[in-house]
Amino acid sequence: MNLLQIENKSAKVKLNDQVHKYSVDQIIEEIEKVYGMAAVSDCYTFGDVTACAENAVDTLEIEIHSPGGSVFEGYRIYNAMRELRERGVYVTAKINTLAASMGSVIAMAADKITIASNGRMMIHDASTGIHGNADAMRKGAEMLEEISDEIAGVYAEKTGKDKGDIRKMMKSETWISAKKAIEMGFADEIFDTKSKVMSILDKFKPDAALVEKVNSLESSLVDAENKVSELTAKIDEVENDLASAVTELTEAKAKADKLAEEKAQFEASFNEAETAIANLTEQLATAQASAETRAAEILATAGVPPVEGVEDKPISNVKSLTEFNALTPAERMSFIKSGGKISN
């Protein structure tokens, strides 16, 4: 299985497995092909890269996705990485996306530790399965305590934290997010897929004219967005004014409808009053004519002769019923008070 890739004097190896003898043997074998003394002395060639002193591969990236495993096998990779650093190789541990238990210890051997934005680290005390008598149990517990103390020292060296505080975290089995790993010093930076895209784009060098054109287009886009924002604000303002106008028109129509209703009621009341006045006037004229007729009858019965010339004297203040109805209510009242009569 080929676990190692060479590109631009940089080697990449992956630990996507538990830490055990087989996985460690494979990784160390791959690393030795490039960084081992035999490779350098024999000018071992990998594609365009030759592992000789003046053109040796000088960078190693180990990608880690491991739940951990054997402490002693893990220390083999840890020690190999530290040796590479001593020989001038820059080692990067890339946690994608889990470095738990011994996997996190291996990462501590690197010059630089990066972690995926959704990655996790986990630290805890060493553990093992022991069987035997009490002495064997005590010896096993002492060994686990020593190993846990050594591992705490590794974490403390990387983070700068107190080893006692590290042991407390290990005893409680602490899971650490990418953000917390940066804050606490267990990792140096967070990477994500965007960084891969940017690294690819960095290989391309567009000419200045194209860059200027892109910048000009971006500036035009910003101007267009600003104009759209201004137009949107104006549209909102017009919509608010229109809504206010509609509200005012609705209120005005309601008032007009109410006035029209009141006018209709007033006209109806006026017509009723006018009809009542006409009826009363007609009744008054009828009563007056009856009263005059009755008075004449009483005078005749009493032997009182009629006054000469009275009956023949014309009454000037007389109006027909049609003429009377054409008068205004005020004119009608004045006509009646003045002794006017209505003829049939």
Foldseek 3Di string as FASTA:
>chain_A
DQQWDDDPLEIEGEDQEEQDDVSLVVRVVNVCCQPNPVQQVVQPDDVPATCHDVGGRQEYEYEYDYQYHDLVSLVVLLVVLLVSVVVRRQYEYEYPAEQEESSLLSRLSGPAYEHAQAHKYKAAFDDDDWDDDPVRVVVVVVVSVVSRLVSLVSQCVQQVDDSVVSHVRRHVIDMAGNVRCCVRRSHPYYDYVVVVVVVVVVVDDDDPVVVVVVVVVVVVVVVVVVVVVVVVVVVVVVVVVVVVVVVVVVVVVVVVVVVVVVVVVVVVVVVVVLVVLLVVQVVVQVVVVVVVVVVVVVCVVVVNDDDPPPVVDDDPQEAESVVLSPDDPVVNVVSVVVVHHYDD
